[in-house]
Amino acid sequence: AYADLRAHHLENEIPPALRFDPLMIVDAAELAASLEPGPSVWSDPGPVERPDDLQQLAFASVAELSALVRGRQVSCVELALLALSRLRRHDPDLHCVVTLTEERALTRARELDALLDRGEWLGPLHGIPYGAKDLLAVAGYPTTWGATPYRDQVLDDTATVVRRLDAAGAVLVAKLTLGALAWGDVWFGGITRNPWNLEQGSSGSSAGSASAVSAGLVPFAIGTETWGSIVSPSTRCGVTGLRPTFGRVSRAGAMALSWSMDKIGPIARTVEDCALVFDAIRGADPADPSSVDMPFGYRADRDVRTLRIGYLQEAFAEDGEDSTLNHTALQAFADAGIKLVPVNFDLATLGVDPYSLSFVLSAEAGAAFQDLVLSGRDDELVRQVRNAWPNVFRTAQFIPAVEYIQANRHRTLMMLMIEYLFTRVDVYVTPSFGGANLLLTNLTGHPQVVVPNGFLAENAPHSISFVGRLHDEATLLAVAKFYQDATGWHRRHPPGF
């Protein structure tokens, strides 16, 4: 039977007939009714003027650039050319670009300027350049997945996320690097670098997305996360990232690594920039059966003092080089008179180490790339160390189906455990890599925002994270914005760029 199945090739985009649904443990209608309805209310960026040298806009926020475009102080073509020139100039140091999409970008930018000439404005992303992780298909351009066996792959499709950004007026200027098949920061062209320290990789797997935003090459980029691939490079590069709820953003046209864990989200300079992008890409899509529609009523002026905000007590109790930064992050809430509620995962009752479920990802990734293993072309991947994908894919062929199903039954209990935690708080704060949070919340599908919270050493950014209820990105982003505005670490930029 195995041989018969293997004789028939499956495209990466074909999902299994089993579907993960984080809403299975809640009343979806009741949840939707509890969320803030739209439309969203954005911050006023204040007076913004065109600088004499457009290079001074390299680190402007999406909101600031949007005001310049809408006020006709800067054209869409000028912003596209600025991004393209910076990508060309700095990529030799950063190795963050797989393919420039120059013709597509300039054609679209001219169309967007023409729309403005006619008095038509598509919204806050009108004319804003961005980069996309190169596991998102874009018709007419290579989609390499960062891996040697696929470096010449051209898919006759455009990912839903890219289509939605097109419709919102954003301008794709580059397909950015990812660690091969979404692992780490090593791809077929080398190592993507951290703009704060060019001797260091940018982490991954959304390596190029975080690096390019950090260096001021694009105002925002699209990344993906299965287990840390937005959180980790955002931390390393000192930028802000949103990993949305599983199912909030369509994955149609994206490389599948784990059908039950993959998520697509924005990496930007500010929390509100992430919210602006998220608002454009969220929503149900017939091409992705896991995607759903839920309300999103982000309010920049929301009073977070009315919310129940917790902190992951056991994670903050861990002793490490980041302990001081982590505890200092909590002070911003104390200074505002907000008393944080201590919360913990009930792992004792659960009885299972969350890391014992990590092979769920391995099993699905091994299925997604079984053809690569059986053909022997996994030997072409650059990294062949013990924990790199080639060996994970190979050993995954021997994971029993019964154990995979049992792990997912334990996963249901984990979902119930975290849902119970959220009966006490609306959002909780956690060290980004503290305890089991990162793996747990990726398994349960909960959203997370990662923001800079200082430096471990000179040119060594660090982060703190916020986790919210399923599909309640509006509340989550409001709390993260409060912290970001109160601390200002996001305003620091790497020297030399």
Protein backbone atom coordinates (compact mmCIF):
# COMPACT_ATOMS: atom_id res chain seq x y z
CA ALA A 1 0.00 0.00 0.00
CA TYR A 2 2.86 2.40 0.85
CA ALA A 3 4.53 1.67 -2.47
CA ASP A 4 1.28 2.25 -4.33
CA LEU A 5 0.78 5.63 -2.63
CA ARG A 6 4.37 6.71 -3.26
CA ALA A 7 4.04 5.95 -6.96
CA HIS A 8 1.60 8.84 -7.32
CA HIS A 9 3.15 12.29 -6.89
CA LEU A 10 1.42 14.80 -4.64
CA GLU A 11 2.02 18.52 -5.09
CA ASN A 12 3.13 20.34 -1.94
CA GLU A 13 -0.11 22.37 -1.96
CA ILE A 14 -2.38 19.32 -1.47
CA PRO A 15 -3.48 19.19 2.21
CA PRO A 16 -4.49 16.05 4.08
CA ALA A 17 -8.17 15.29 4.60
CA LEU A 18 -7.68 15.95 8.32
CA ARG A 19 -7.96 19.59 9.40
CA PHE A 20 -6.71 21.23 12.59
CA ASP A 21 -9.24 23.67 14.05
CA PRO A 22 -8.35 25.67 17.19
CA LEU A 23 -12.03 26.63 17.46
CA MET A 24 -13.06 23.03 18.16
CA ILE A 25 -12.83 23.66 21.91
CA VAL A 26 -14.85 26.92 21.97
CA ASP A 27 -18.21 28.23 20.79
CA ALA A 28 -17.18 30.04 17.60
CA ALA A 29 -20.29 32.22 17.46
CA GLU A 30 -19.88 33.24 21.10
CA LEU A 31 -16.21 34.03 20.51
CA ALA A 32 -16.99 36.14 17.43
CA ALA A 33 -19.61 38.09 19.41
CA SER A 34 -17.00 38.85 22.11
CA LEU A 35 -14.52 40.40 19.67
CA GLU A 36 -14.34 44.11 18.90
CA PRO A 37 -16.22 44.72 15.62
CA GLY A 38 -14.61 46.74 12.85
CA PRO A 39 -13.74 48.99 11.28
CA SER A 40 -10.40 49.60 12.94
CA VAL A 41 -9.38 53.00 14.30
CA TRP A 42 -5.79 53.96 13.50
CA SER A 43 -3.41 56.43 15.10
CA ASP A 44 -2.87 59.85 13.55
CA PRO A 45 0.83 59.96 12.56
CA GLY A 46 0.80 63.72 13.02
CA PRO A 47 2.35 66.22 10.61
CA VAL A 48 4.73 64.51 8.20
CA GLU A 49 6.80 66.39 5.64
CA ARG A 50 8.84 65.25 2.68
CA PRO A 51 12.55 65.36 3.56
CA ASP A 52 15.12 66.88 1.23
CA ASP A 53 16.74 63.45 0.92
CA LEU A 54 14.30 60.54 0.55
CA GLN A 55 16.85 58.24 2.21
CA GLN A 56 15.65 59.82 5.45
CA LEU A 57 12.41 57.87 4.95
CA ALA A 58 14.21 54.53 5.23
CA PHE A 59 12.98 54.00 8.78
CA ALA A 60 9.64 55.80 8.54
CA SER A 61 6.61 53.83 9.66
CA VAL A 62 3.93 52.59 7.29
CA ALA A 63 1.56 55.17 8.80
CA GLU A 64 4.00 58.02 8.14
CA LEU A 65 4.70 56.89 4.57
CA SER A 66 0.97 56.51 3.97
CA ALA A 67 0.37 60.12 5.02
CA LEU A 68 3.06 61.31 2.61
CA VAL A 69 1.60 59.30 -0.27
CA ARG A 70 -1.98 60.34 0.37
CA GLY A 71 -0.89 63.98 0.67
CA ARG A 72 0.92 63.66 -2.69
CA GLN A 73 4.23 64.70 -1.08
CA VAL A 74 5.89 61.46 -2.21
CA SER A 75 4.87 59.35 -5.18
CA CYS A 76 4.39 55.59 -5.19
CA VAL A 77 7.12 55.30 -7.83
CA GLU A 78 9.54 57.24 -5.65
CA LEU A 79 8.95 54.90 -2.71
CA ALA A 80 9.37 51.81 -4.90
CA LEU A 81 12.63 53.16 -6.34
CA LEU A 82 13.86 54.02 -2.84
CA ALA A 83 13.23 50.47 -1.63
CA LEU A 84 14.76 48.88 -4.73
CA SER A 85 17.89 51.03 -4.48
CA ARG A 86 18.37 50.19 -0.78
CA LEU A 87 17.83 46.50 -1.41
CA ARG A 88 20.50 46.56 -4.13
CA ARG A 89 22.95 48.58 -2.04
CA HIS A 90 22.74 46.55 1.16
CA ASP A 91 22.01 43.03 -0.03
CA PRO A 92 25.71 42.25 -0.65
CA ASP A 93 26.19 42.60 3.12
CA LEU A 94 22.90 41.12 4.31
CA HIS A 95 22.13 38.39 1.73
CA CYS A 96 18.42 38.94 2.36
CA VAL A 97 17.13 39.05 -1.24
CA VAL A 98 16.40 36.08 -3.48
CA THR A 99 14.73 37.99 -6.34
CA LEU A 100 13.93 41.65 -6.95
CA THR A 101 10.46 42.07 -8.47
CA GLU A 102 11.37 45.39 -10.07
CA GLU A 103 9.25 45.26 -13.22
CA ARG A 104 6.16 44.20 -11.28
CA ALA A 105 6.80 46.84 -8.62
CA LEU A 106 7.30 49.79 -10.94
CA THR A 107 4.34 48.84 -13.12
CA ARG A 108 2.10 48.67 -10.07
CA ALA A 109 3.52 51.88 -8.56
CA ARG A 110 2.72 53.80 -11.76
CA GLU A 111 -0.84 52.42 -11.68
CA LEU A 112 -1.22 53.52 -8.07
CA ASP A 113 0.02 57.04 -8.83
CA ALA A 114 -2.50 57.20 -11.67
CA LEU A 115 -5.26 56.20 -9.24
CA LEU A 116 -4.27 59.05 -6.94
CA ASP A 117 -4.36 61.41 -9.92
CA ARG A 118 -8.01 60.40 -10.32
CA GLY A 119 -8.72 60.90 -6.63
CA GLU A 120 -8.80 57.18 -5.81
CA TRP A 121 -7.01 56.02 -2.65
CA LEU A 122 -7.02 52.33 -1.77
CA GLY A 123 -6.22 52.73 1.92
CA PRO A 124 -3.24 53.03 4.25
CA LEU A 125 -1.08 50.57 2.27
CA HIS A 126 -1.52 52.50 -1.01
CA GLY A 127 1.95 52.73 -2.56
CA ILE A 128 3.82 51.17 0.39
CA PRO A 129 6.69 48.87 -0.70
CA TYR A 130 7.16 45.49 0.96
CA GLY A 131 8.99 42.20 0.68
CA ALA A 132 7.61 38.65 0.83
CA LYS A 133 9.28 35.55 2.20
CA ASP A 134 10.18 33.42 -0.80
CA LEU A 135 7.85 30.58 0.04
CA LEU A 136 4.94 32.66 -1.26
CA ALA A 137 4.20 32.09 -4.93
CA VAL A 138 4.25 35.10 -7.27
CA ALA A 139 3.40 34.39 -10.90
CA GLY A 140 6.23 35.14 -13.30
CA TYR A 141 8.98 34.97 -10.66
CA PRO A 142 10.91 32.10 -9.09
CA THR A 143 9.60 30.72 -5.81
CA THR A 144 12.68 28.96 -4.47
CA TRP A 145 11.69 28.05 -0.89
CA GLY A 146 15.31 28.97 -0.14
CA ALA A 147 16.46 25.48 -1.14
CA THR A 148 18.79 24.25 -3.87
CA PRO A 149 16.41 21.61 -5.29
CA TYR A 150 13.81 24.33 -5.93
CA ARG A 151 15.99 27.31 -6.88
CA ASP A 152 14.63 27.35 -10.46
CA GLN A 153 11.01 26.64 -9.53
CA VAL A 154 8.45 29.00 -11.08
CA LEU A 155 4.86 28.48 -9.92
CA ASP A 156 2.00 29.62 -12.14
CA ASP A 157 0.14 31.12 -9.21
CA THR A 158 0.14 34.09 -6.84
CA ALA A 159 -0.41 33.53 -3.12
CA THR A 160 -3.64 34.88 -1.64
CA VAL A 161 -1.66 37.08 0.76
CA VAL A 162 0.13 38.76 -2.16
CA ARG A 163 -3.17 39.18 -4.04
CA ARG A 164 -4.74 40.85 -1.02
CA LEU A 165 -1.80 43.18 -0.59
CA ASP A 166 -2.03 44.01 -4.30
CA ALA A 167 -5.68 44.92 -3.79
CA ALA A 168 -4.78 47.07 -0.77
CA GLY A 169 -2.26 49.02 -2.86
CA ALA A 170 0.98 47.62 -1.39
CA VAL A 171 3.89 47.24 -3.81
CA LEU A 172 5.92 44.02 -3.81
CA VAL A 173 9.57 44.94 -4.42
CA ALA A 174 11.40 41.73 -3.49
CA LYS A 175 11.12 38.08 -2.63
CA LEU A 176 13.17 37.70 0.52
CA THR A 177 15.27 34.87 1.86
CA LEU A 178 14.29 32.06 4.18
CA GLY A 179 16.36 29.29 5.64
CA ALA A 180 16.04 26.32 3.28
CA LEU A 181 12.48 24.96 3.45
CA ALA A 182 11.75 27.27 6.39
CA TRP A 183 14.51 26.31 8.83
CA GLY A 184 17.14 28.71 10.15
CA ASP A 185 18.88 31.46 8.16
CA VAL A 186 21.01 29.35 5.79
CA TRP A 187 19.73 29.19 2.21
CA PHE A 188 21.25 28.19 -1.11
CA GLY A 189 22.84 31.65 -1.47
CA GLY A 190 24.53 31.73 1.93
CA ILE A 191 23.61 33.05 5.39
CA THR A 192 21.22 35.98 5.81
CA ARG A 193 22.83 38.49 8.18
CA ASN A 194 21.64 40.44 11.18
CA PRO A 195 21.93 44.19 10.39
CA TRP A 196 22.95 44.85 14.00
CA ASN A 197 25.88 42.46 13.71
CA LEU A 198 27.00 41.34 10.28
CA GLU A 199 29.06 38.52 11.82
CA GLN A 200 25.80 36.95 12.98
CA GLY A 201 22.96 35.30 11.09
CA SER A 202 19.55 36.95 11.25
CA SER A 203 17.93 33.78 12.67
CA GLY A 204 15.02 32.24 10.85
CA SER A 205 13.26 31.05 9.13
CA SER A 206 11.78 34.42 8.12
CA ALA A 207 15.39 35.51 7.82
CA GLY A 208 15.24 37.99 4.96
CA SER A 209 11.94 39.50 6.10
CA ALA A 210 13.30 40.49 9.52
CA SER A 211 16.70 41.53 8.19
CA ALA A 212 15.28 43.76 5.45
CA VAL A 213 12.84 45.53 7.80
CA SER A 214 15.54 46.02 10.44
CA ALA A 215 17.93 47.59 7.93
CA GLY A 216 15.28 49.96 6.55
CA LEU A 217 15.16 48.31 3.13
CA VAL A 218 11.36 47.84 3.22
CA PRO A 219 8.76 49.26 5.63
CA PHE A 220 7.25 45.81 6.22
CA ALA A 221 7.60 42.23 5.08
CA ILE A 222 5.58 39.04 5.18
CA GLY A 223 6.92 36.14 7.22
CA THR A 224 5.61 32.77 8.30
CA GLU A 225 5.81 30.81 11.52
CA THR A 226 5.43 27.16 12.36
CA TRP A 227 7.55 27.16 15.52
CA GLY A 228 9.34 30.48 16.09
CA SER A 229 10.01 31.61 12.52
CA ILE A 230 8.55 35.10 13.09
CA VAL A 231 9.38 35.42 16.79
CA SER A 232 13.05 34.39 16.51
CA PRO A 233 14.28 36.59 13.62
CA SER A 234 12.21 39.52 14.90
CA THR A 235 14.01 39.16 18.23
CA ARG A 236 17.46 38.85 16.67
CA CYS A 237 16.97 41.80 14.31
CA GLY A 238 15.14 44.08 16.75
CA VAL A 239 11.84 44.42 14.87
CA THR A 240 8.15 43.83 15.60
CA GLY A 241 6.28 40.74 14.44
CA LEU A 242 2.76 39.35 14.58
CA ARG A 243 2.04 35.64 14.45
CA PRO A 244 -1.74 35.57 13.95
CA THR A 245 -4.19 32.95 15.14
CA PHE A 246 -4.06 29.76 13.08
CA GLY A 247 -6.58 30.19 10.27
CA ARG A 248 -6.73 33.99 10.41
CA VAL A 249 -4.68 34.40 7.19
CA SER A 250 -5.00 32.23 4.10
CA ARG A 251 -2.00 30.05 3.28
CA ALA A 252 -3.06 29.41 -0.31
CA GLY A 253 0.01 29.75 -2.53
CA ALA A 254 2.44 29.29 0.36
CA MET A 255 4.83 26.37 0.76
CA ALA A 256 3.36 23.85 3.17
CA LEU A 257 5.63 22.63 5.94
CA SER A 258 3.04 21.69 8.58
CA TRP A 259 -0.61 21.88 7.60
CA SER A 260 -1.74 22.13 11.21
CA MET A 261 0.87 24.65 12.43
CA ASP A 262 1.84 27.00 9.55
CA LYS A 263 0.78 30.66 9.93
CA ILE A 264 1.45 33.81 7.88
CA GLY A 265 2.00 37.21 9.47
CA PRO A 266 3.65 40.63 9.10
CA ILE A 267 7.03 41.86 10.32
CA ALA A 268 7.32 45.63 10.62
CA ARG A 269 8.76 48.49 12.68
CA THR A 270 5.76 49.10 14.92
CA VAL A 271 2.85 47.20 16.37
CA GLU A 272 0.36 49.39 14.54
CA ASP A 273 2.14 48.80 11.23
CA CYS A 274 1.64 45.08 11.84
CA ALA A 275 -2.04 45.78 12.54
CA LEU A 276 -2.41 47.74 9.30
CA VAL A 277 -0.92 44.90 7.27
CA PHE A 278 -2.83 42.22 9.15
CA ASP A 279 -6.10 44.02 8.43
CA ALA A 280 -5.36 43.76 4.72
CA ILE A 281 -4.42 40.07 4.62
CA ARG A 282 -6.82 38.46 7.11
CA GLY A 283 -10.02 36.62 6.25
CA ALA A 284 -11.48 33.43 4.84
CA ASP A 285 -10.38 32.08 1.48
CA PRO A 286 -12.04 29.17 -0.37
CA ALA A 287 -8.56 28.05 -1.46
CA ASP A 288 -7.57 27.44 2.18
CA PRO A 289 -10.19 25.38 4.07
CA SER A 290 -8.52 26.27 7.40
CA SER A 291 -9.08 30.01 6.94
CA VAL A 292 -11.95 31.79 8.68
CA ASP A 293 -13.58 35.21 8.98
CA MET A 294 -13.60 36.81 12.41
CA PRO A 295 -14.14 40.45 13.46
CA PHE A 296 -11.10 42.71 13.84
CA GLY A 297 -11.77 46.05 15.46
CA TYR A 298 -8.35 47.39 16.38
CA ARG A 299 -8.49 50.69 18.27
CA ALA A 300 -5.32 52.69 18.67
CA ASP A 301 -6.97 54.66 21.47
CA ARG A 302 -8.09 51.64 23.47
CA ASP A 303 -7.63 52.03 27.23
CA VAL A 304 -5.68 48.90 28.17
CA ARG A 305 -6.22 49.67 31.85
CA THR A 306 -9.69 48.16 31.45
CA LEU A 307 -8.20 44.83 30.39
CA ARG A 308 -7.04 41.86 32.43
CA ILE A 309 -3.34 41.56 31.60
CA GLY A 310 -1.34 38.65 32.95
CA TYR A 311 2.27 37.60 33.05
CA LEU A 312 3.59 34.05 32.68
CA GLN A 313 4.97 33.72 36.19
CA GLU A 314 7.09 30.57 35.79
CA ALA A 315 8.73 31.88 32.61
CA PHE A 316 9.69 35.14 34.31
CA ALA A 317 11.12 33.14 37.23
CA GLU A 318 13.69 31.48 34.97
CA ASP A 319 17.24 32.72 35.51
CA GLY A 320 19.13 33.72 32.36
CA GLU A 321 21.08 36.49 30.71
CA ASP A 322 17.82 38.16 29.72
CA SER A 323 16.22 38.09 33.18
CA THR A 324 16.84 41.78 33.91
CA LEU A 325 15.38 42.89 30.56
CA ASN A 326 12.37 40.64 31.03
CA HIS A 327 11.56 42.00 34.48
CA THR A 328 12.18 45.58 33.37
CA ALA A 329 9.54 45.07 30.67
CA LEU A 330 6.92 44.48 33.36
CA GLN A 331 7.75 47.83 34.92
CA ALA A 332 6.07 49.71 32.05
CA PHE A 333 2.75 48.32 33.24
CA ALA A 334 3.45 49.02 36.90
CA ASP A 335 4.40 52.60 36.03
CA ALA A 336 0.96 52.99 34.39
CA GLY A 337 -0.78 51.66 37.48
CA ILE A 338 -1.63 48.32 35.86
CA LYS A 339 -1.42 45.35 38.19
CA LEU A 340 -0.51 42.24 36.23
CA VAL A 341 -2.17 38.92 37.07
CA PRO A 342 0.22 35.97 37.57
CA VAL A 343 -0.71 32.98 35.40
CA ASN A 344 0.91 29.61 34.69
CA PHE A 345 0.31 26.65 32.41
CA ASP A 346 -1.18 23.71 34.30
CA LEU A 347 1.40 21.26 32.97
CA ALA A 348 1.20 19.04 36.06
CA THR A 349 -2.45 18.24 35.36
CA LEU A 350 -1.70 17.90 31.68
CA GLY A 351 0.92 15.31 32.55
CA VAL A 352 2.77 15.57 29.23
CA ASP A 353 5.88 17.56 28.40
CA PRO A 354 4.87 19.86 25.50
CA TYR A 355 8.16 19.07 23.77
CA SER A 356 7.00 15.47 23.52
CA LEU A 357 4.52 16.75 20.93
CA SER A 358 7.09 18.47 18.74
CA PHE A 359 7.22 15.49 16.40
CA VAL A 360 3.77 16.54 15.13
CA LEU A 361 5.69 19.12 13.10
CA SER A 362 8.30 16.56 12.06
CA ALA A 363 5.66 14.11 10.87
CA GLU A 364 3.83 16.67 8.76
CA ALA A 365 7.06 18.11 7.35
CA GLY A 366 8.24 14.60 6.51
CA ALA A 367 5.02 14.04 4.58
CA ALA A 368 5.23 17.43 2.84
CA PHE A 369 8.72 16.59 1.58
CA GLN A 370 8.61 12.82 1.28
CA ASP A 371 9.26 13.03 -2.47
CA LEU A 372 12.45 14.97 -1.76
CA VAL A 373 13.64 12.23 0.61
CA LEU A 374 12.71 9.29 -1.60
CA SER A 375 14.36 10.90 -4.63
CA GLY A 376 17.61 11.45 -2.74
CA ARG A 377 17.58 15.17 -3.60
CA ASP A 378 17.48 16.01 0.10
CA ASP A 379 21.28 15.58 -0.19
CA GLU A 380 21.30 18.89 -2.12
CA LEU A 381 20.17 20.95 0.88
CA VAL A 382 23.01 23.06 2.24
CA ARG A 383 22.65 22.12 5.91
CA GLN A 384 23.00 18.43 6.76
CA VAL A 385 23.64 18.62 10.52
CA ARG A 386 21.71 16.35 12.88
CA ASN A 387 18.73 18.63 13.54
CA ALA A 388 18.48 20.20 10.06
CA TRP A 389 15.53 19.37 7.85
CA PRO A 390 17.14 16.62 5.74
CA ASN A 391 17.62 14.38 8.79
CA VAL A 392 14.27 15.40 10.29
CA PHE A 393 12.53 14.49 7.02
CA ARG A 394 14.38 11.16 6.86
CA THR A 395 13.62 10.06 10.41
CA ALA A 396 10.03 11.29 10.10
CA GLN A 397 9.35 8.46 7.64
CA PHE A 398 9.47 6.11 10.65
CA ILE A 399 7.04 7.96 12.95
CA PRO A 400 4.10 5.60 13.58
CA ALA A 401 0.70 6.94 12.52
CA VAL A 402 -0.73 5.84 15.88
CA GLU A 403 1.78 8.00 17.80
CA TYR A 404 1.00 11.02 15.58
CA ILE A 405 -2.71 10.62 16.35
CA GLN A 406 -2.06 10.16 20.05
CA ALA A 407 0.05 13.34 20.11
CA ASN A 408 -2.83 15.25 18.54
CA ARG A 409 -5.21 13.91 21.21
CA HIS A 410 -2.88 15.35 23.85
CA ARG A 411 -2.88 18.54 21.79
CA THR A 412 -6.62 18.85 22.37
CA LEU A 413 -5.99 18.83 26.12
CA MET A 414 -3.35 21.55 25.67
CA MET A 415 -5.88 23.67 23.79
CA LEU A 416 -8.36 23.28 26.62
CA MET A 417 -5.68 24.14 29.19
CA ILE A 418 -4.79 27.43 27.50
CA GLU A 419 -8.44 28.27 26.89
CA TYR A 420 -8.99 27.91 30.64
CA LEU A 421 -6.02 30.24 31.30
CA PHE A 422 -7.78 32.86 29.18
CA THR A 423 -10.81 32.81 31.47
CA ARG A 424 -8.57 34.75 33.90
CA VAL A 425 -6.84 37.21 31.53
CA ASP A 426 -7.35 38.79 28.10
CA VAL A 427 -3.63 38.93 27.23
CA TYR A 428 -0.48 37.75 28.96
CA VAL A 429 3.14 38.87 28.77
CA THR A 430 5.94 36.33 28.46
CA PRO A 431 9.67 36.17 27.73
CA SER A 432 9.71 35.35 24.03
CA PHE A 433 11.54 32.07 24.60
CA GLY A 434 10.50 31.46 28.22
CA GLY A 435 9.32 28.02 29.27
CA ALA A 436 7.20 26.06 26.82
CA ASN A 437 5.15 29.04 25.61
CA LEU A 438 6.49 29.28 22.06
CA LEU A 439 5.88 25.64 21.20
CA LEU A 440 2.63 25.40 23.15
CA THR A 441 0.98 28.39 21.52
CA ASN A 442 2.11 27.33 18.07
CA LEU A 443 0.51 23.92 18.71
CA THR A 444 -2.72 25.48 20.03
CA GLY A 445 -2.92 28.19 17.35
CA HIS A 446 -2.93 31.27 19.64
CA PRO A 447 -1.66 34.63 18.35
CA GLN A 448 1.57 36.24 19.59
CA VAL A 449 3.16 39.67 19.13
CA VAL A 450 6.92 40.10 19.60
CA VAL A 451 8.40 43.57 20.24
CA PRO A 452 11.91 44.86 21.12
CA ASN A 453 12.53 45.35 24.85
CA GLY A 454 16.17 46.43 24.99
CA PHE A 455 19.65 45.09 24.31
CA LEU A 456 21.50 42.19 25.89
CA ALA A 457 24.76 43.87 24.85
CA GLU A 458 25.82 46.48 22.33
CA ASN A 459 24.05 45.81 19.02
CA ALA A 460 22.30 42.74 20.46
CA PRO A 461 18.52 43.40 20.47
CA HIS A 462 16.18 41.40 22.65
CA SER A 463 12.39 41.02 22.76
CA ILE A 464 9.36 40.46 24.93
CA SER A 465 6.14 38.82 23.73
CA PHE A 466 2.40 39.11 24.24
CA VAL A 467 -0.07 36.26 23.72
CA GLY A 468 -3.80 36.73 23.22
CA ARG A 469 -7.07 34.83 22.94
CA LEU A 470 -7.89 33.00 19.74
CA HIS A 471 -8.73 35.53 17.02
CA ASP A 472 -8.51 38.49 19.42
CA GLU A 473 -5.61 40.17 17.66
CA ALA A 474 -7.27 43.54 18.21
CA THR A 475 -6.86 43.36 21.99
CA LEU A 476 -3.46 41.72 21.75
CA LEU A 477 -2.11 44.43 19.44
CA ALA A 478 -3.53 47.21 21.64
CA VAL A 479 -1.65 45.89 24.68
CA ALA A 480 1.57 45.40 22.71
CA LYS A 481 1.25 48.94 21.32
CA PHE A 482 0.84 50.32 24.84
CA TYR A 483 4.11 48.71 25.88
CA GLN A 484 5.91 49.76 22.72
CA ASP A 485 4.82 53.39 23.01
CA ALA A 486 5.81 53.46 26.68
CA THR A 487 9.34 52.14 26.06
CA GLY A 488 10.39 53.27 22.59
CA TRP A 489 12.91 50.48 21.90
CA HIS A 490 11.51 50.11 18.37
CA ARG A 491 12.93 53.53 17.47
CA ARG A 492 16.51 52.21 17.64
CA HIS A 493 18.02 51.25 14.29
CA PRO A 494 21.22 49.41 13.35
CA PRO A 495 24.23 51.64 12.58
CA GLY A 496 25.48 51.74 9.00
CA PHE A 497 22.10 51.57 7.29
